[in-house]
Amino acid sequence: MTKKTRRAAARRLAATSALVLWLGQSLPAAAELSELLLGCRHDPDDRILTLVCDRVEREAGMVAADAGYRVTLSVGKPVMPQHPAADARTLDIQVTGTRPGSQFGTKRIEALLSGSYAADPAGGWESELTAEGAPRDLVHPIADALLTRIAVFLATNPAD
């Protein structure tokens, strides 16, 4: 597969993913899904962290739908509504990173995921992630890892 073919395939996949996400959110069955309030906070001046959070926010709907949830994005830290559905959840992802001296320097990215359950307000869920490497090489592995952690959080039982 040539570089041009891979690029075209990636564009088609992105367009198809966006269409599936839009269709999934517009179907009546989506109203039956439980709610996940999701926030991905980062330094908006850090391009790498912005790319990570943009991808996580864009693809979280598909991950959540697989677990029976629909995603509502939060600006800032997500807060559980006053009268949530019993199975509602919140997940706050805070991503930070160092600023290497050059685009080829080593960047360290840390992410803290903090989840809460409407069914068990006293309980919570946390996960941490740390990675180092060339800044542009970290975007997709970090986003993939965060999407996997979202799936893990949605699969947890609040009583555990």
N, C-alpha and C. Protein backbone atom coordinates (compact mmCIF):
# COMPACT_ATOMS: atom_id res chain seq x y z
N MET A 1 0.85 -1.17 0.00
CA MET A 1 0.00 0.00 0.00
C MET A 1 0.90 1.24 0.00
N THR A 2 0.67 2.14 -0.93
CA THR A 2 1.49 3.33 -1.02
C THR A 2 1.06 4.34 0.03
N LYS A 3 1.91 5.32 0.22
CA LYS A 3 1.62 6.37 1.19
C LYS A 3 0.34 7.12 0.81
N LYS A 4 0.17 7.37 -0.48
CA LYS A 4 -1.02 8.08 -0.97
C LYS A 4 -2.28 7.24 -0.72
N THR A 5 -2.21 5.94 -0.95
CA THR A 5 -3.34 5.05 -0.74
C THR A 5 -3.70 4.97 0.74
N ARG A 6 -2.67 4.89 1.60
CA ARG A 6 -2.92 4.85 3.05
C ARG A 6 -3.58 6.14 3.52
N ARG A 7 -3.12 7.27 2.99
CA ARG A 7 -3.69 8.56 3.36
C ARG A 7 -5.16 8.64 2.94
N ALA A 8 -5.47 8.18 1.74
CA ALA A 8 -6.85 8.19 1.24
C ALA A 8 -7.71 7.26 2.07
N ALA A 9 -7.18 6.09 2.43
CA ALA A 9 -7.93 5.14 3.26
C ALA A 9 -8.19 5.73 4.64
N ALA A 10 -7.20 6.42 5.19
CA ALA A 10 -7.38 7.05 6.51
C ALA A 10 -8.45 8.13 6.45
N ARG A 11 -8.47 8.91 5.36
CA ARG A 11 -9.51 9.95 5.22
C ARG A 11 -10.90 9.33 5.11
N ARG A 12 -11.01 8.24 4.34
CA ARG A 12 -12.32 7.56 4.22
C ARG A 12 -12.76 6.99 5.56
N LEU A 13 -11.82 6.42 6.31
CA LEU A 13 -12.13 5.87 7.62
C LEU A 13 -12.59 6.97 8.57
N ALA A 14 -11.91 8.11 8.55
CA ALA A 14 -12.30 9.23 9.41
C ALA A 14 -13.69 9.75 9.04
N ALA A 15 -13.96 9.87 7.75
CA ALA A 15 -15.28 10.33 7.31
C ALA A 15 -16.36 9.34 7.68
N THR A 16 -16.08 8.05 7.51
CA THR A 16 -17.05 7.02 7.88
C THR A 16 -17.29 7.02 9.38
N SER A 17 -16.23 7.15 10.16
CA SER A 17 -16.36 7.19 11.62
C SER A 17 -17.21 8.37 12.06
N ALA A 18 -16.97 9.53 11.46
CA ALA A 18 -17.76 10.71 11.81
C ALA A 18 -19.23 10.51 11.46
N LEU A 19 -19.50 9.90 10.30
CA LEU A 19 -20.88 9.64 9.89
C LEU A 19 -21.55 8.66 10.84
N VAL A 20 -20.85 7.59 11.20
CA VAL A 20 -21.41 6.61 12.13
C VAL A 20 -21.69 7.25 13.48
N LEU A 21 -20.77 8.07 13.96
CA LEU A 21 -20.96 8.77 15.23
C LEU A 21 -22.17 9.69 15.15
N TRP A 22 -22.30 10.45 14.06
CA TRP A 22 -23.43 11.36 13.91
C TRP A 22 -24.74 10.58 13.83
N LEU A 23 -24.76 9.51 13.04
CA LEU A 23 -25.97 8.70 12.93
C LEU A 23 -26.33 8.07 14.26
N GLY A 24 -25.33 7.57 14.98
CA GLY A 24 -25.58 6.95 16.27
C GLY A 24 -26.17 7.93 17.27
N GLN A 25 -25.78 9.19 17.18
CA GLN A 25 -26.30 10.19 18.11
C GLN A 25 -27.67 10.68 17.69
N SER A 26 -28.04 10.49 16.43
CA SER A 26 -29.32 11.02 15.97
C SER A 26 -30.43 9.98 15.96
N LEU A 27 -30.11 8.72 16.20
CA LEU A 27 -31.12 7.68 16.20
C LEU A 27 -31.90 7.67 17.51
N PRO A 28 -33.20 7.34 17.48
CA PRO A 28 -33.98 7.28 18.71
C PRO A 28 -33.42 6.31 19.74
N ALA A 29 -32.82 5.23 19.30
CA ALA A 29 -32.28 4.26 20.24
C ALA A 29 -31.19 4.87 21.12
N ALA A 30 -30.53 5.92 20.63
CA ALA A 30 -29.48 6.56 21.42
C ALA A 30 -30.04 7.14 22.71
N ALA A 31 -31.31 7.52 22.72
CA ALA A 31 -31.92 8.08 23.93
C ALA A 31 -32.00 7.03 25.03
N GLU A 32 -31.99 5.75 24.67
CA GLU A 32 -32.08 4.69 25.66
C GLU A 32 -30.74 4.38 26.30
N LEU A 33 -29.67 4.91 25.76
CA LEU A 33 -28.35 4.65 26.30
C LEU A 33 -28.13 5.43 27.59
N SER A 34 -27.30 4.89 28.46
CA SER A 34 -26.91 5.59 29.68
C SER A 34 -25.99 6.75 29.31
N GLU A 35 -25.81 7.69 30.23
CA GLU A 35 -25.02 8.87 29.90
C GLU A 35 -23.64 8.84 30.55
N LEU A 36 -22.64 9.21 29.76
CA LEU A 36 -21.29 9.42 30.23
C LEU A 36 -20.96 10.88 29.99
N LEU A 37 -20.72 11.63 31.05
CA LEU A 37 -20.25 13.01 30.94
C LEU A 37 -18.73 12.93 30.88
N LEU A 38 -18.14 13.44 29.80
CA LEU A 38 -16.72 13.29 29.56
C LEU A 38 -16.07 14.65 29.36
N GLY A 39 -14.96 14.85 30.04
CA GLY A 39 -14.16 16.05 29.85
C GLY A 39 -12.71 15.66 29.65
N CYS A 40 -12.05 16.27 28.68
CA CYS A 40 -10.62 16.05 28.45
C CYS A 40 -9.96 17.42 28.57
N ARG A 41 -9.32 17.64 29.70
CA ARG A 41 -8.73 18.96 29.97
C ARG A 41 -7.23 18.92 29.68
N HIS A 42 -6.74 20.01 29.09
CA HIS A 42 -5.33 20.12 28.72
C HIS A 42 -4.99 21.58 28.51
N ASP A 43 -3.70 21.85 28.36
CA ASP A 43 -3.24 23.19 28.03
C ASP A 43 -3.57 23.45 26.57
N PRO A 44 -4.47 24.39 26.28
CA PRO A 44 -4.87 24.62 24.88
C PRO A 44 -3.74 25.13 23.99
N ASP A 45 -2.65 25.60 24.59
CA ASP A 45 -1.52 26.08 23.80
C ASP A 45 -0.57 24.95 23.38
N ASP A 46 -0.82 23.75 23.92
CA ASP A 46 0.03 22.60 23.59
C ASP A 46 -0.64 21.83 22.45
N ARG A 47 -0.09 21.94 21.26
CA ARG A 47 -0.68 21.33 20.06
C ARG A 47 -0.82 19.81 20.17
N ILE A 48 0.17 19.16 20.75
CA ILE A 48 0.14 17.70 20.88
C ILE A 48 -1.00 17.27 21.80
N LEU A 49 -1.13 17.95 22.94
CA LEU A 49 -2.21 17.61 23.88
C LEU A 49 -3.58 17.91 23.27
N THR A 50 -3.66 18.97 22.48
CA THR A 50 -4.91 19.30 21.80
C THR A 50 -5.28 18.19 20.82
N LEU A 51 -4.30 17.69 20.07
CA LEU A 51 -4.56 16.59 19.13
C LEU A 51 -5.03 15.34 19.87
N VAL A 52 -4.42 15.04 21.01
CA VAL A 52 -4.81 13.87 21.80
C VAL A 52 -6.26 14.01 22.26
N CYS A 53 -6.59 15.14 22.90
CA CYS A 53 -7.95 15.32 23.42
C CYS A 53 -8.98 15.40 22.30
N ASP A 54 -8.63 16.05 21.20
CA ASP A 54 -9.58 16.11 20.08
C ASP A 54 -9.93 14.71 19.59
N ARG A 55 -8.93 13.87 19.47
CA ARG A 55 -9.19 12.51 18.99
C ARG A 55 -10.00 11.72 20.02
N VAL A 56 -9.67 11.85 21.29
CA VAL A 56 -10.41 11.14 22.33
C VAL A 56 -11.87 11.59 22.32
N GLU A 57 -12.11 12.89 22.26
CA GLU A 57 -13.48 13.40 22.25
C GLU A 57 -14.24 12.94 21.00
N ARG A 58 -13.54 12.89 19.88
CA ARG A 58 -14.17 12.51 18.62
C ARG A 58 -14.55 11.02 18.61
N GLU A 59 -13.73 10.16 19.19
CA GLU A 59 -13.94 8.72 19.11
C GLU A 59 -14.57 8.11 20.36
N ALA A 60 -14.71 8.88 21.42
CA ALA A 60 -15.28 8.34 22.67
C ALA A 60 -16.71 7.88 22.48
N GLY A 61 -17.46 8.51 21.58
CA GLY A 61 -18.84 8.13 21.34
C GLY A 61 -18.97 6.69 20.86
N MET A 62 -18.04 6.26 20.01
CA MET A 62 -18.09 4.88 19.51
C MET A 62 -17.73 3.89 20.61
N VAL A 63 -16.72 4.23 21.40
CA VAL A 63 -16.31 3.36 22.51
C VAL A 63 -17.45 3.26 23.52
N ALA A 64 -18.06 4.38 23.85
CA ALA A 64 -19.15 4.40 24.83
C ALA A 64 -20.38 3.65 24.32
N ALA A 65 -20.70 3.82 23.05
CA ALA A 65 -21.87 3.14 22.48
C ALA A 65 -21.73 1.63 22.59
N ASP A 66 -20.52 1.14 22.42
CA ASP A 66 -20.27 -0.30 22.56
C ASP A 66 -20.58 -0.79 23.97
N ALA A 67 -20.48 0.10 24.95
CA ALA A 67 -20.74 -0.27 26.35
C ALA A 67 -22.16 0.13 26.78
N GLY A 68 -22.96 0.68 25.85
CA GLY A 68 -24.33 1.07 26.19
C GLY A 68 -24.46 2.49 26.72
N TYR A 69 -23.50 3.34 26.38
CA TYR A 69 -23.50 4.74 26.85
C TYR A 69 -23.48 5.69 25.67
N ARG A 70 -23.98 6.88 25.90
CA ARG A 70 -23.81 7.98 24.96
C ARG A 70 -22.97 9.03 25.68
N VAL A 71 -22.18 9.75 24.93
CA VAL A 71 -21.25 10.71 25.51
C VAL A 71 -21.81 12.12 25.42
N THR A 72 -21.71 12.84 26.51
CA THR A 72 -21.96 14.27 26.53
C THR A 72 -20.64 14.91 26.92
N LEU A 73 -20.10 15.74 26.01
CA LEU A 73 -18.81 16.38 26.29
C LEU A 73 -18.99 17.55 27.23
N SER A 74 -18.04 17.71 28.11
CA SER A 74 -18.07 18.78 29.10
C SER A 74 -16.90 19.72 28.84
N VAL A 75 -17.17 20.99 28.94
CA VAL A 75 -16.09 21.97 28.88
C VAL A 75 -15.62 22.12 30.31
N GLY A 76 -14.38 21.79 30.56
CA GLY A 76 -13.89 21.78 31.93
C GLY A 76 -14.19 20.44 32.59
N LYS A 77 -14.04 20.42 33.90
CA LYS A 77 -14.24 19.18 34.65
C LYS A 77 -15.73 18.82 34.67
N PRO A 78 -16.08 17.59 34.25
CA PRO A 78 -17.49 17.20 34.24
C PRO A 78 -18.02 17.02 35.67
N VAL A 79 -19.26 17.46 35.87
CA VAL A 79 -19.89 17.37 37.18
C VAL A 79 -21.19 16.59 37.03
N MET A 80 -21.41 15.66 37.94
CA MET A 80 -22.62 14.84 37.91
C MET A 80 -23.82 15.75 38.10
N PRO A 81 -24.87 15.61 37.27
CA PRO A 81 -26.07 16.43 37.43
C PRO A 81 -26.73 16.19 38.78
N GLN A 82 -27.57 17.12 39.20
CA GLN A 82 -28.23 17.02 40.50
C GLN A 82 -29.09 15.76 40.62
N HIS A 83 -29.82 15.41 39.55
CA HIS A 83 -30.67 14.22 39.56
C HIS A 83 -30.33 13.34 38.36
N PRO A 84 -29.18 12.64 38.45
CA PRO A 84 -28.77 11.82 37.30
C PRO A 84 -29.53 10.50 37.25
N ALA A 85 -29.51 9.89 36.08
CA ALA A 85 -30.02 8.52 35.95
C ALA A 85 -29.12 7.63 36.80
N ALA A 86 -29.65 6.53 37.29
CA ALA A 86 -28.92 5.66 38.20
C ALA A 86 -27.61 5.13 37.62
N ASP A 87 -27.56 4.98 36.30
CA ASP A 87 -26.36 4.41 35.69
C ASP A 87 -25.46 5.45 35.02
N ALA A 88 -25.72 6.73 35.26
CA ALA A 88 -24.89 7.79 34.69
C ALA A 88 -23.48 7.75 35.30
N ARG A 89 -22.53 8.23 34.52
CA ARG A 89 -21.13 8.28 34.98
C ARG A 89 -20.48 9.56 34.48
N THR A 90 -19.45 9.99 35.19
CA THR A 90 -18.62 11.09 34.70
C THR A 90 -17.19 10.59 34.61
N LEU A 91 -16.45 11.14 33.66
CA LEU A 91 -15.04 10.80 33.52
C LEU A 91 -14.29 12.07 33.15
N ASP A 92 -13.37 12.44 34.02
CA ASP A 92 -12.52 13.61 33.80
C ASP A 92 -11.14 13.11 33.42
N ILE A 93 -10.67 13.56 32.25
CA ILE A 93 -9.32 13.21 31.80
C ILE A 93 -8.50 14.49 31.81
N GLN A 94 -7.46 14.50 32.62
CA GLN A 94 -6.59 15.67 32.68
C GLN A 94 -5.24 15.26 32.10
N VAL A 95 -4.86 15.91 30.99
CA VAL A 95 -3.64 15.57 30.27
C VAL A 95 -2.66 16.73 30.39
N THR A 96 -1.44 16.42 30.82
CA THR A 96 -0.39 17.43 30.93
C THR A 96 0.84 16.94 30.19
N GLY A 97 1.70 17.86 29.83
CA GLY A 97 2.92 17.47 29.11
C GLY A 97 4.03 18.48 29.27
N THR A 98 5.24 17.98 29.14
CA THR A 98 6.39 18.87 29.16
C THR A 98 6.53 19.54 27.80
N ARG A 99 7.35 20.55 27.74
CA ARG A 99 7.59 21.26 26.48
C ARG A 99 9.07 21.11 26.12
N PRO A 100 9.39 20.14 25.24
CA PRO A 100 10.79 19.97 24.85
C PRO A 100 11.29 21.17 24.06
N GLY A 101 12.62 21.33 24.05
CA GLY A 101 13.23 22.46 23.37
C GLY A 101 13.09 22.44 21.86
N SER A 102 12.84 21.27 21.29
CA SER A 102 12.68 21.17 19.83
C SER A 102 11.59 20.14 19.53
N GLN A 103 11.17 20.11 18.27
CA GLN A 103 10.13 19.16 17.89
C GLN A 103 10.64 17.72 17.95
N PHE A 104 11.94 17.53 18.05
CA PHE A 104 12.51 16.20 18.12
C PHE A 104 12.96 15.84 19.53
N GLY A 105 12.75 16.76 20.48
CA GLY A 105 13.11 16.50 21.87
C GLY A 105 12.15 15.50 22.50
N THR A 106 12.48 15.07 23.68
CA THR A 106 11.64 14.10 24.37
C THR A 106 10.55 14.82 25.14
N LYS A 107 9.33 14.45 24.88
CA LYS A 107 8.16 15.03 25.55
C LYS A 107 7.63 13.97 26.51
N ARG A 108 7.23 14.40 27.68
CA ARG A 108 6.61 13.51 28.68
C ARG A 108 5.16 13.93 28.81
N ILE A 109 4.26 12.98 28.59
CA ILE A 109 2.83 13.24 28.73
C ILE A 109 2.29 12.38 29.86
N GLU A 110 1.52 13.01 30.73
CA GLU A 110 0.87 12.30 31.84
C GLU A 110 -0.62 12.55 31.74
N ALA A 111 -1.39 11.52 32.03
CA ALA A 111 -2.85 11.64 32.02
C ALA A 111 -3.39 11.03 33.30
N LEU A 112 -4.33 11.72 33.90
CA LEU A 112 -5.03 11.21 35.08
C LEU A 112 -6.50 11.14 34.71
N LEU A 113 -7.06 9.95 34.82
CA LEU A 113 -8.48 9.74 34.55
C LEU A 113 -9.18 9.53 35.88
N SER A 114 -10.22 10.31 36.14
CA SER A 114 -10.98 10.21 37.39
C SER A 114 -12.45 10.04 37.04
N GLY A 115 -13.00 8.91 37.43
CA GLY A 115 -14.39 8.62 37.12
C GLY A 115 -15.25 8.57 38.36
N SER A 116 -16.54 8.85 38.18
CA SER A 116 -17.49 8.72 39.29
C SER A 116 -18.79 8.14 38.77
N TYR A 117 -19.55 7.56 39.70
CA TYR A 117 -20.79 6.86 39.37
C TYR A 117 -21.96 7.53 40.09
N ALA A 118 -23.08 7.68 39.40
CA ALA A 118 -24.28 8.20 40.05
C ALA A 118 -24.79 7.21 41.09
N ALA A 119 -24.65 5.91 40.79
CA ALA A 119 -25.15 4.87 41.68
C ALA A 119 -24.34 4.77 42.98
N ASP A 120 -23.10 5.25 42.96
CA ASP A 120 -22.24 5.18 44.14
C ASP A 120 -21.41 6.46 44.23
N PRO A 121 -22.03 7.57 44.70
CA PRO A 121 -21.33 8.85 44.72
C PRO A 121 -20.06 8.85 45.56
N ALA A 122 -19.99 7.98 46.56
CA ALA A 122 -18.81 7.94 47.41
C ALA A 122 -17.66 7.19 46.74
N GLY A 123 -18.02 6.29 45.82
CA GLY A 123 -16.99 5.51 45.15
C GLY A 123 -16.40 6.28 43.98
N GLY A 124 -15.32 5.79 43.49
CA GLY A 124 -14.70 6.45 42.34
C GLY A 124 -13.76 5.49 41.64
N TRP A 125 -13.24 5.94 40.53
CA TRP A 125 -12.34 5.14 39.71
C TRP A 125 -11.23 6.05 39.24
N GLU A 126 -9.99 5.58 39.29
CA GLU A 126 -8.86 6.37 38.80
C GLU A 126 -7.90 5.50 38.02
N SER A 127 -7.25 6.12 37.06
CA SER A 127 -6.22 5.47 36.27
C SER A 127 -5.22 6.54 35.85
N GLU A 128 -3.96 6.16 35.80
CA GLU A 128 -2.92 7.09 35.37
C GLU A 128 -2.18 6.51 34.18
N LEU A 129 -1.60 7.42 33.41
CA LEU A 129 -0.88 7.03 32.21
C LEU A 129 0.29 7.99 32.04
N THR A 130 1.45 7.46 31.71
CA THR A 130 2.63 8.28 31.45
C THR A 130 3.35 7.72 30.23
N ALA A 131 3.79 8.61 29.36
CA ALA A 131 4.54 8.20 28.17
C ALA A 131 5.58 9.26 27.84
N GLU A 132 6.68 8.82 27.26
CA GLU A 132 7.74 9.73 26.82
C GLU A 132 8.14 9.37 25.41
N GLY A 133 8.49 10.39 24.66
CA GLY A 133 8.97 10.15 23.30
C GLY A 133 8.94 11.42 22.49
N ALA A 134 9.17 11.25 21.18
CA ALA A 134 9.08 12.39 20.27
C ALA A 134 7.63 12.85 20.26
N PRO A 135 7.38 14.15 20.37
CA PRO A 135 6.01 14.64 20.51
C PRO A 135 5.03 14.08 19.49
N ARG A 136 5.35 14.12 18.22
CA ARG A 136 4.38 13.68 17.19
C ARG A 136 4.14 12.18 17.25
N ASP A 137 5.10 11.42 17.80
CA ASP A 137 4.94 9.97 17.91
C ASP A 137 4.06 9.56 19.08
N LEU A 138 3.72 10.49 19.95
CA LEU A 138 2.92 10.16 21.14
C LEU A 138 1.41 10.31 20.93
N VAL A 139 1.00 11.10 19.95
CA VAL A 139 -0.42 11.45 19.80
C VAL A 139 -1.31 10.22 19.74
N HIS A 140 -1.11 9.36 18.77
CA HIS A 140 -2.03 8.24 18.59
C HIS A 140 -1.89 7.15 19.66
N PRO A 141 -0.68 6.80 20.09
CA PRO A 141 -0.60 5.82 21.18
C PRO A 141 -1.27 6.30 22.48
N ILE A 142 -1.12 7.58 22.80
CA ILE A 142 -1.75 8.12 24.01
C ILE A 142 -3.27 8.13 23.82
N ALA A 143 -3.74 8.60 22.69
CA ALA A 143 -5.19 8.62 22.44
C ALA A 143 -5.76 7.20 22.46
N ASP A 144 -5.06 6.24 21.85
CA ASP A 144 -5.52 4.85 21.89
C ASP A 144 -5.61 4.34 23.32
N ALA A 145 -4.59 4.63 24.12
CA ALA A 145 -4.59 4.18 25.51
C ALA A 145 -5.73 4.82 26.30
N LEU A 146 -6.00 6.10 26.07
CA LEU A 146 -7.09 6.77 26.77
C LEU A 146 -8.45 6.19 26.36
N LEU A 147 -8.62 5.91 25.09
CA LEU A 147 -9.88 5.30 24.63
C LEU A 147 -10.07 3.90 25.25
N THR A 148 -8.98 3.16 25.38
CA THR A 148 -9.05 1.85 26.03
C THR A 148 -9.43 2.01 27.50
N ARG A 149 -8.87 3.01 28.15
CA ARG A 149 -9.20 3.23 29.57
C ARG A 149 -10.66 3.68 29.74
N ILE A 150 -11.19 4.41 28.77
CA ILE A 150 -12.62 4.77 28.82
C ILE A 150 -13.46 3.50 28.78
N ALA A 151 -13.11 2.58 27.90
CA ALA A 151 -13.83 1.31 27.80
C ALA A 151 -13.75 0.53 29.11
N VAL A 152 -12.58 0.53 29.72
CA VAL A 152 -12.40 -0.17 31.01
C VAL A 152 -13.28 0.46 32.07
N PHE A 153 -13.29 1.79 32.14
CA PHE A 153 -14.11 2.48 33.13
C PHE A 153 -15.59 2.14 32.95
N LEU A 154 -16.06 2.15 31.71
CA LEU A 154 -17.46 1.85 31.46
C LEU A 154 -17.81 0.40 31.75
N ALA A 155 -16.82 -0.48 31.75
CA ALA A 155 -17.07 -1.89 32.05
C ALA A 155 -17.01 -2.19 33.55
N THR A 156 -16.57 -1.22 34.35
CA THR A 156 -16.47 -1.47 35.80
C THR A 156 -17.83 -1.45 36.45
N ASN A 157 -17.91 -2.19 37.54
CA ASN A 157 -19.13 -2.22 38.35
C ASN A 157 -18.93 -1.28 39.52
N PRO A 158 -19.82 -0.30 39.73
CA PRO A 158 -19.63 0.65 40.83
C PRO A 158 -19.54 -0.02 42.20
N ALA A 159 -20.11 -1.20 42.35
CA ALA A 159 -20.10 -1.88 43.63
C ALA A 159 -18.75 -2.52 43.95
N ASP A 160 -17.89 -2.67 42.92
CA ASP A 160 -16.58 -3.33 43.14
C ASP A 160 -15.58 -2.41 43.77
